[in-house]
Amino acid sequence: MWNMMYGLEGVKMKDGLKHLALVTQVGLTLLFIVALFTILGVYLDRWLGTRAIFTLLFVLVGCASAMWVAVRSLLNTLPKDSEPK
């Protein structure tokens, strides 16, 4: 049954909103880091007159950096005393 405190499956709404906020934060972090590195690569290619060398390089570095930041932030949200099952 649906009510304001619990969702359809009985999970507290507050927990769902925390998870939604975390997923949104990670997604926006991925987007902004990759976009920043891409823009930097395009700017360097235009400035140096190269084709797409720095753009490709910076996109790859941006993806790796974004994944590292995302995994690190997700691992920081886990409870410290939890053990993997």
PDB file of N, CA and C in Angstrom:
ATOM      1  N   MET A   1       0.837  -1.172   0.000  1.00  0.00           N
ATOM      2  CA  MET A   1       0.000   0.000   0.000  1.00  0.00           C
ATOM      3  C   MET A   1       0.889   1.245   0.000  1.00  0.00           C
ATOM      4  N   TRP A   2       0.450   2.258  -0.659  1.00  0.00           N
ATOM      5  CA  TRP A   2       1.213   3.494  -0.791  1.00  0.00           C
ATOM      6  C   TRP A   2       0.850   4.464   0.318  1.00  0.00           C
ATOM      7  N   ASN A   3       1.847   5.036   0.952  1.00  0.00           N
ATOM      8  CA  ASN A   3       1.617   6.175   1.839  1.00  0.00           C
ATOM      9  C   ASN A   3       2.817   7.097   1.750  1.00  0.00           C
ATOM     10  N   MET A   4       2.790   8.192   2.489  1.00  0.00           N
ATOM     11  CA  MET A   4       3.824   9.218   2.342  1.00  0.00           C
ATOM     12  C   MET A   4       5.180   8.782   2.897  1.00  0.00           C
ATOM     13  N   MET A   5       5.195   7.900   3.877  1.00  0.00           N
ATOM     14  CA  MET A   5       6.457   7.530   4.500  1.00  0.00           C
ATOM     15  C   MET A   5       7.111   6.340   3.806  1.00  0.00           C
ATOM     16  N   TYR A   6       6.301   5.437   3.277  1.00  0.00           N
ATOM     17  CA  TYR A   6       6.825   4.243   2.635  1.00  0.00           C
ATOM     18  C   TYR A   6       6.383   4.219   1.180  1.00  0.00           C
ATOM     19  N   GLY A   7       7.216   3.667   0.334  1.00  0.00           N
ATOM     20  CA  GLY A   7       6.863   3.539  -1.073  1.00  0.00           C
ATOM     21  C   GLY A   7       5.977   2.326  -1.280  1.00  0.00           C
ATOM     22  N   LEU A   8       5.827   1.930  -2.501  1.00  0.00           N
ATOM     23  CA  LEU A   8       4.979   0.798  -2.825  1.00  0.00           C
ATOM     24  C   LEU A   8       5.524  -0.503  -2.252  1.00  0.00           C
ATOM     25  N   GLU A   9       6.820  -0.627  -2.141  1.00  0.00           N
ATOM     26  CA  GLU A   9       7.418  -1.880  -1.689  1.00  0.00           C
ATOM     27  C   GLU A   9       7.808  -1.844  -0.223  1.00  0.00           C
ATOM     28  N   GLY A  10       7.445  -0.809   0.495  1.00  0.00           N
ATOM     29  CA  GLY A  10       7.749  -0.733   1.910  1.00  0.00           C
ATOM     30  C   GLY A  10       9.106  -0.147   2.229  1.00  0.00           C
ATOM     31  N   VAL A  11       9.829   0.313   1.250  1.00  0.00           N
ATOM     32  CA  VAL A  11      11.127   0.936   1.489  1.00  0.00           C
ATOM     33  C   VAL A  11      10.886   2.377   1.891  1.00  0.00           C
ATOM     34  N   LYS A  12      11.598   2.844   2.878  1.00  0.00           N
ATOM     35  CA  LYS A  12      11.401   4.221   3.310  1.00  0.00           C
ATOM     36  C   LYS A  12      11.757   5.175   2.181  1.00  0.00           C
ATOM     37  N   MET A  13      10.946   6.203   2.021  1.00  0.00           N
ATOM     38  CA  MET A  13      11.156   7.176   0.955  1.00  0.00           C
ATOM     39  C   MET A  13      12.452   7.951   1.156  1.00  0.00           C
ATOM     40  N   LYS A  14      12.830   8.179   2.405  1.00  0.00           N
ATOM     41  CA  LYS A  14      14.050   8.929   2.681  1.00  0.00           C
ATOM     42  C   LYS A  14      15.271   8.196   2.122  1.00  0.00           C
ATOM     43  N   ASP A  15      15.308   6.874   2.258  1.00  0.00           N
ATOM     44  CA  ASP A  15      16.419   6.095   1.712  1.00  0.00           C
ATOM     45  C   ASP A  15      16.446   6.165   0.190  1.00  0.00           C
ATOM     46  N   GLY A  16      15.281   6.130  -0.421  1.00  0.00           N
ATOM     47  CA  GLY A  16      15.205   6.233  -1.876  1.00  0.00           C
ATOM     48  C   GLY A  16      15.711   7.569  -2.376  1.00  0.00           C
ATOM     49  N   LEU A  17      15.383   8.628  -1.655  1.00  0.00           N
ATOM     50  CA  LEU A  17      15.852   9.950  -2.054  1.00  0.00           C
ATOM     51  C   LEU A  17      17.357  10.086  -1.869  1.00  0.00           C
ATOM     52  N   LYS A  18      17.905   9.444  -0.844  1.00  0.00           N
ATOM     53  CA  LYS A  18      19.360   9.461  -0.661  1.00  0.00           C
ATOM     54  C   LYS A  18      20.058   8.757  -1.817  1.00  0.00           C
ATOM     55  N   HIS A  19      19.498   7.627  -2.237  1.00  0.00           N
ATOM     56  CA  HIS A  19      20.088   6.901  -3.355  1.00  0.00           C
ATOM     57  C   HIS A  19      19.959   7.696  -4.653  1.00  0.00           C
ATOM     58  N   LEU A  20      18.828   8.348  -4.835  1.00  0.00           N
ATOM     59  CA  LEU A  20      18.643   9.177  -6.025  1.00  0.00           C
ATOM     60  C   LEU A  20      19.634  10.335  -6.049  1.00  0.00           C
ATOM     61  N   ALA A  21      19.863  10.942  -4.909  1.00  0.00           N
ATOM     62  CA  ALA A  21      20.829  12.043  -4.827  1.00  0.00           C
ATOM     63  C   ALA A  21      22.239  11.549  -5.131  1.00  0.00           C
ATOM     64  N   LEU A  22      22.586  10.374  -4.643  1.00  0.00           N
ATOM     65  CA  LEU A  22      23.918   9.815  -4.897  1.00  0.00           C
ATOM     66  C   LEU A  22      24.115   9.509  -6.380  1.00  0.00           C
ATOM     67  N   VAL A  23      23.118   8.903  -6.999  1.00  0.00           N
ATOM     68  CA  VAL A  23      23.217   8.579  -8.425  1.00  0.00           C
ATOM     69  C   VAL A  23      23.302   9.855  -9.257  1.00  0.00           C
ATOM     70  N   THR A  24      22.529  10.865  -8.881  1.00  0.00           N
ATOM     71  CA  THR A  24      22.577  12.142  -9.590  1.00  0.00           C
ATOM     72  C   THR A  24      23.942  12.796  -9.444  1.00  0.00           C
ATOM     73  N   GLN A  25      24.494  12.764  -8.250  1.00  0.00           N
ATOM     74  CA  GLN A  25      25.813  13.351  -8.014  1.00  0.00           C
ATOM     75  C   GLN A  25      26.880  12.648  -8.843  1.00  0.00           C
ATOM     76  N   VAL A  26      26.850  11.340  -8.862  1.00  0.00           N
ATOM     77  CA  VAL A  26      27.851  10.583  -9.624  1.00  0.00           C
ATOM     78  C   VAL A  26      27.687  10.847 -11.121  1.00  0.00           C
ATOM     79  N   GLY A  27      26.462  10.875 -11.601  1.00  0.00           N
ATOM     80  CA  GLY A  27      26.227  11.137 -13.018  1.00  0.00           C
ATOM     81  C   GLY A  27      26.695  12.512 -13.449  1.00  0.00           C
ATOM     82  N   LEU A  28      26.386  13.521 -12.651  1.00  0.00           N
ATOM     83  CA  LEU A  28      26.824  14.877 -12.986  1.00  0.00           C
ATOM     84  C   LEU A  28      28.338  15.020 -12.890  1.00  0.00           C
ATOM     85  N   THR A  29      28.936  14.332 -11.934  1.00  0.00           N
ATOM     86  CA  THR A  29      30.395  14.353 -11.821  1.00  0.00           C
ATOM     87  C   THR A  29      31.039  13.751 -13.065  1.00  0.00           C
ATOM     88  N   LEU A  30      30.524  12.612 -13.512  1.00  0.00           N
ATOM     89  CA  LEU A  30      31.039  11.990 -14.733  1.00  0.00           C
ATOM     90  C   LEU A  30      30.896  12.936 -15.922  1.00  0.00           C
ATOM     91  N   LEU A  31      29.736  13.535 -16.049  1.00  0.00           N
ATOM     92  CA  LEU A  31      29.473  14.430 -17.173  1.00  0.00           C
ATOM     93  C   LEU A  31      30.418  15.626 -17.186  1.00  0.00           C
ATOM     94  N   PHE A  32      30.568  16.290 -16.048  1.00  0.00           N
ATOM     95  CA  PHE A  32      31.378  17.502 -16.008  1.00  0.00           C
ATOM     96  C   PHE A  32      32.869  17.227 -16.185  1.00  0.00           C
ATOM     97  N   ILE A  33      33.358  16.137 -15.616  1.00  0.00           N
ATOM     98  CA  ILE A  33      34.786  15.832 -15.768  1.00  0.00           C
ATOM     99  C   ILE A  33      35.113  15.495 -17.219  1.00  0.00           C
ATOM    100  N   VAL A  34      34.299  14.649 -17.845  1.00  0.00           N
ATOM    101  CA  VAL A  34      34.553  14.284 -19.240  1.00  0.00           C
ATOM    102  C   VAL A  34      34.397  15.507 -20.147  1.00  0.00           C
ATOM    103  N   ALA A  35      33.392  16.333 -19.887  1.00  0.00           N
ATOM    104  CA  ALA A  35      33.196  17.543 -20.702  1.00  0.00           C
ATOM    105  C   ALA A  35      34.372  18.504 -20.549  1.00  0.00           C
ATOM    106  N   LEU A  36      34.859  18.676 -19.338  1.00  0.00           N
ATOM    107  CA  LEU A  36      35.985  19.575 -19.104  1.00  0.00           C
ATOM    108  C   LEU A  36      37.237  19.106 -19.842  1.00  0.00           C
ATOM    109  N   PHE A  37      37.538  17.826 -19.746  1.00  0.00           N
ATOM    110  CA  PHE A  37      38.717  17.298 -20.430  1.00  0.00           C
ATOM    111  C   PHE A  37      38.547  17.351 -21.950  1.00  0.00           C
ATOM    112  N   THR A  38      37.333  17.128 -22.440  1.00  0.00           N
ATOM    113  CA  THR A  38      37.086  17.206 -23.879  1.00  0.00           C
ATOM    114  C   THR A  38      37.288  18.625 -24.395  1.00  0.00           C
ATOM    115  N   ILE A  39      36.741  19.592 -23.684  1.00  0.00           N
ATOM    116  CA  ILE A  39      36.901  20.992 -24.088  1.00  0.00           C
ATOM    117  C   ILE A  39      38.374  21.389 -24.065  1.00  0.00           C
ATOM    118  N   LEU A  40      39.092  20.942 -23.060  1.00  0.00           N
ATOM    119  CA  LEU A  40      40.524  21.233 -22.985  1.00  0.00           C
ATOM    120  C   LEU A  40      41.281  20.614 -24.162  1.00  0.00           C
ATOM    121  N   GLY A  41      40.932  19.384 -24.522  1.00  0.00           N
ATOM    122  CA  GLY A  41      41.574  18.732 -25.665  1.00  0.00           C
ATOM    123  C   GLY A  41      41.274  19.428 -26.979  1.00  0.00           C
ATOM    124  N   VAL A  42      40.025  19.841 -27.171  1.00  0.00           N
ATOM    125  CA  VAL A  42      39.660  20.567 -28.394  1.00  0.00           C
ATOM    126  C   VAL A  42      40.416  21.891 -28.463  1.00  0.00           C
ATOM    127  N   TYR A  43      40.487  22.594 -27.344  1.00  0.00           N
ATOM    128  CA  TYR A  43      41.205  23.873 -27.307  1.00  0.00           C
ATOM    129  C   TYR A  43      42.688  23.678 -27.652  1.00  0.00           C
ATOM    130  N   LEU A  44      43.309  22.666 -27.086  1.00  0.00           N
ATOM    131  CA  LEU A  44      44.723  22.409 -27.385  1.00  0.00           C
ATOM    132  C   LEU A  44      44.932  22.037 -28.850  1.00  0.00           C
ATOM    133  N   ASP A  45      44.019  21.237 -29.413  1.00  0.00           N
ATOM    134  CA  ASP A  45      44.137  20.880 -30.829  1.00  0.00           C
ATOM    135  C   ASP A  45      44.021  22.107 -31.726  1.00  0.00           C
ATOM    136  N   ARG A  46      43.106  22.992 -31.416  1.00  0.00           N
ATOM    137  CA  ARG A  46      42.968  24.214 -32.223  1.00  0.00           C
ATOM    138  C   ARG A  46      44.186  25.117 -32.063  1.00  0.00           C
ATOM    139  N   TRP A  47      44.682  25.235 -30.858  1.00  0.00           N
ATOM    140  CA  TRP A  47      45.808  26.127 -30.577  1.00  0.00           C
ATOM    141  C   TRP A  47      47.098  25.635 -31.228  1.00  0.00           C
ATOM    142  N   LEU A  48      47.305  24.307 -31.182  1.00  0.00           N
ATOM    143  CA  LEU A  48      48.527  23.731 -31.742  1.00  0.00           C
ATOM    144  C   LEU A  48      48.382  23.346 -33.211  1.00  0.00           C
ATOM    145  N   GLY A  49      47.180  23.383 -33.751  1.00  0.00           N
ATOM    146  CA  GLY A  49      46.959  23.052 -35.152  1.00  0.00           C
ATOM    147  C   GLY A  49      46.992  21.566 -35.446  1.00  0.00           C
ATOM    148  N   THR A  50      46.790  20.742 -34.457  1.00  0.00           N
ATOM    149  CA  THR A  50      46.757  19.296 -34.678  1.00  0.00           C
ATOM    150  C   THR A  50      45.323  18.873 -34.976  1.00  0.00           C
ATOM    151  N   ARG A  51      45.174  17.665 -35.444  1.00  0.00           N
ATOM    152  CA  ARG A  51      43.836  17.211 -35.820  1.00  0.00           C
ATOM    153  C   ARG A  51      43.005  16.893 -34.584  1.00  0.00           C
ATOM    154  N   ALA A  52      43.053  15.697 -34.092  1.00  0.00           N
ATOM    155  CA  ALA A  52      42.251  15.341 -32.926  1.00  0.00           C
ATOM    156  C   ALA A  52      43.067  14.547 -31.919  1.00  0.00           C
ATOM    157  N   ILE A  53      44.350  14.748 -31.925  1.00  0.00           N
ATOM    158  CA  ILE A  53      45.233  13.975 -31.050  1.00  0.00           C
ATOM    159  C   ILE A  53      44.953  14.289 -29.587  1.00  0.00           C
ATOM    160  N   PHE A  54      44.976  15.560 -29.239  1.00  0.00           N
ATOM    161  CA  PHE A  54      44.775  15.935 -27.842  1.00  0.00           C
ATOM    162  C   PHE A  54      43.327  15.736 -27.399  1.00  0.00           C
ATOM    163  N   THR A  55      42.389  15.903 -28.326  1.00  0.00           N
ATOM    164  CA  THR A  55      40.987  15.665 -27.978  1.00  0.00           C
ATOM    165  C   THR A  55      40.792  14.209 -27.577  1.00  0.00           C
ATOM    166  N   LEU A  56      41.296  13.302 -28.387  1.00  0.00           N
ATOM    167  CA  LEU A  56      41.171  11.877 -28.082  1.00  0.00           C
ATOM    168  C   LEU A  56      41.898  11.523 -26.792  1.00  0.00           C
ATOM    169  N   LEU A  57      43.101  12.038 -26.639  1.00  0.00           N
ATOM    170  CA  LEU A  57      43.880  11.763 -25.436  1.00  0.00           C
ATOM    171  C   LEU A  57      43.169  12.283 -24.183  1.00  0.00           C
ATOM    172  N   PHE A  58      42.673  13.507 -24.252  1.00  0.00           N
ATOM    173  CA  PHE A  58      42.027  14.093 -23.082  1.00  0.00           C
ATOM    174  C   PHE A  58      40.661  13.465 -22.802  1.00  0.00           C
ATOM    175  N   VAL A  59      39.958  12.987 -23.819  1.00  0.00           N
ATOM    176  CA  VAL A  59      38.704  12.262 -23.582  1.00  0.00           C
ATOM    177  C   VAL A  59      38.989  10.975 -22.818  1.00  0.00           C
ATOM    178  N   LEU A  60      40.023  10.256 -23.218  1.00  0.00           N
ATOM    179  CA  LEU A  60      40.379   9.015 -22.519  1.00  0.00           C
ATOM    180  C   LEU A  60      40.820   9.285 -21.083  1.00  0.00           C
ATOM    181  N   VAL A  61      41.637  10.306 -20.899  1.00  0.00           N
ATOM    182  CA  VAL A  61      42.070  10.668 -19.545  1.00  0.00           C
ATOM    183  C   VAL A  61      40.874  11.136 -18.717  1.00  0.00           C
ATOM    184  N   GLY A  62      39.969  11.884 -19.334  1.00  0.00           N
ATOM    185  CA  GLY A  62      38.774  12.350 -18.635  1.00  0.00           C
ATOM    186  C   GLY A  62      37.870  11.205 -18.211  1.00  0.00           C
ATOM    187  N   CYS A  63      37.706  10.217 -19.083  1.00  0.00           N
ATOM    188  CA  CYS A  63      36.885   9.049 -18.730  1.00  0.00           C
ATOM    189  C   CYS A  63      37.507   8.271 -17.578  1.00  0.00           C
ATOM    190  N   ALA A  64      38.808   8.064 -17.638  1.00  0.00           N
ATOM    191  CA  ALA A  64      39.485   7.342 -16.559  1.00  0.00           C
ATOM    192  C   ALA A  64      39.399   8.117 -15.248  1.00  0.00           C
ATOM    193  N   SER A  65      39.604   9.419 -15.310  1.00  0.00           N
ATOM    194  CA  SER A  65      39.526  10.245 -14.098  1.00  0.00           C
ATOM    195  C   SER A  65      38.117  10.260 -13.529  1.00  0.00           C
ATOM    196  N   ALA A  66      37.130  10.360 -14.399  1.00  0.00           N
ATOM    197  CA  ALA A  66      35.742  10.393 -13.945  1.00  0.00           C
ATOM    198  C   ALA A  66      35.347   9.078 -13.284  1.00  0.00           C
ATOM    199  N   MET A  67      35.777   7.968 -13.856  1.00  0.00           N
ATOM    200  CA  MET A  67      35.457   6.672 -13.248  1.00  0.00           C
ATOM    201  C   MET A  67      36.147   6.519 -11.899  1.00  0.00           C
ATOM    202  N   TRP A  68      37.374   6.992 -11.789  1.00  0.00           N
ATOM    203  CA  TRP A  68      38.094   6.923 -10.519  1.00  0.00           C
ATOM    204  C   TRP A  68      37.370   7.738  -9.447  1.00  0.00           C
ATOM    205  N   VAL A  69      36.953   8.948  -9.801  1.00  0.00           N
ATOM    206  CA  VAL A  69      36.240   9.802  -8.847  1.00  0.00           C
ATOM    207  C   VAL A  69      34.893   9.183  -8.479  1.00  0.00           C
ATOM    208  N   ALA A  70      34.192   8.602  -9.447  1.00  0.00           N
ATOM    209  CA  ALA A  70      32.886   8.002  -9.182  1.00  0.00           C
ATOM    210  C   ALA A  70      33.007   6.796  -8.251  1.00  0.00           C
ATOM    211  N   VAL A  71      33.955   5.921  -8.530  1.00  0.00           N
ATOM    212  CA  VAL A  71      34.140   4.739  -7.679  1.00  0.00           C
ATOM    213  C   VAL A  71      34.554   5.159  -6.275  1.00  0.00           C
ATOM    214  N   ARG A  72      35.430   6.133  -6.195  1.00  0.00           N
ATOM    215  CA  ARG A  72      35.881   6.609  -4.886  1.00  0.00           C
ATOM    216  C   ARG A  72      34.731   7.214  -4.076  1.00  0.00           C
ATOM    217  N   SER A  73      33.880   7.993  -4.726  1.00  0.00           N
ATOM    218  CA  SER A  73      32.762   8.590  -3.993  1.00  0.00           C
ATOM    219  C   SER A  73      31.726   7.541  -3.613  1.00  0.00           C
ATOM    220  N   LEU A  74      31.528   6.535  -4.453  1.00  0.00           N
ATOM    221  CA  LEU A  74      30.589   5.466  -4.099  1.00  0.00           C
ATOM    222  C   LEU A  74      31.127   4.617  -2.949  1.00  0.00           C
ATOM    223  N   LEU A  75      32.424   4.347  -2.954  1.00  0.00           N
ATOM    224  CA  LEU A  75      33.004   3.567  -1.863  1.00  0.00           C
ATOM    225  C   LEU A  75      32.991   4.336  -0.549  1.00  0.00           C
ATOM    226  N   ASN A  76      33.078   5.657  -0.608  1.00  0.00           N
ATOM    227  CA  ASN A  76      33.025   6.462   0.612  1.00  0.00           C
ATOM    228  C   ASN A  76      31.639   6.484   1.238  1.00  0.00           C
ATOM    229  N   THR A  77      30.609   6.145   0.479  1.00  0.00           N
ATOM    230  CA  THR A  77      29.253   6.142   1.033  1.00  0.00           C
ATOM    231  C   THR A  77      28.900   4.825   1.708  1.00  0.00           C
ATOM    232  N   LEU A  78      29.691   3.787   1.477  1.00  0.00           N
ATOM    233  CA  LEU A  78      29.418   2.504   2.125  1.00  0.00           C
ATOM    234  C   LEU A  78      29.686   2.603   3.621  1.00  0.00           C
ATOM    235  N   PRO A  79      28.904   1.887   4.407  1.00  0.00           N
ATOM    236  CA  PRO A  79      29.204   1.861   5.840  1.00  0.00           C
ATOM    237  C   PRO A  79      30.570   1.227   6.081  1.00  0.00           C
ATOM    238  N   LYS A  80      31.289   1.750   7.044  1.00  0.00           N
ATOM    239  CA  LYS A  80      32.660   1.292   7.298  1.00  0.00           C
ATOM    240  C   LYS A  80      32.711  -0.112   7.902  1.00  0.00           C
ATOM    241  N   ASP A  81      31.667  -0.516   8.595  1.00  0.00           N
ATOM    242  CA  ASP A  81      31.688  -1.814   9.264  1.00  0.00           C
ATOM    243  C   ASP A  81      31.028  -2.918   8.444  1.00  0.00           C
ATOM    244  N   SER A  82      30.623  -2.630   7.216  1.00  0.00           N
ATOM    245  CA  SER A  82      29.960  -3.661   6.422  1.00  0.00           C
ATOM    246  C   SER A  82      30.996  -4.581   5.796  1.00  0.00           C
ATOM    247  N   GLU A  83      30.637  -5.847   5.716  1.00  0.00           N
ATOM    248  CA  GLU A  83      31.504  -6.840   5.106  1.00  0.00           C
ATOM    249  C   GLU A  83      30.829  -7.357   3.850  1.00  0.00           C
ATOM    250  N   PRO A  84      31.601  -7.636   2.793  1.00  0.00           N
ATOM    251  CA  PRO A  84      30.989  -8.199   1.585  1.00  0.00           C
ATOM    252  C   PRO A  84      30.453  -9.592   1.865  1.00  0.00           C
ATOM    253  N   LYS A  85      29.360  -9.917   1.235  1.00  0.00           N
ATOM    254  CA  LYS A  85      28.736 -11.240   1.451  1.00  0.00           C
ATOM    255  C   LYS A  85      29.119 -12.185   0.362  1.00  0.00           C
TER     256      LYS A  85
END
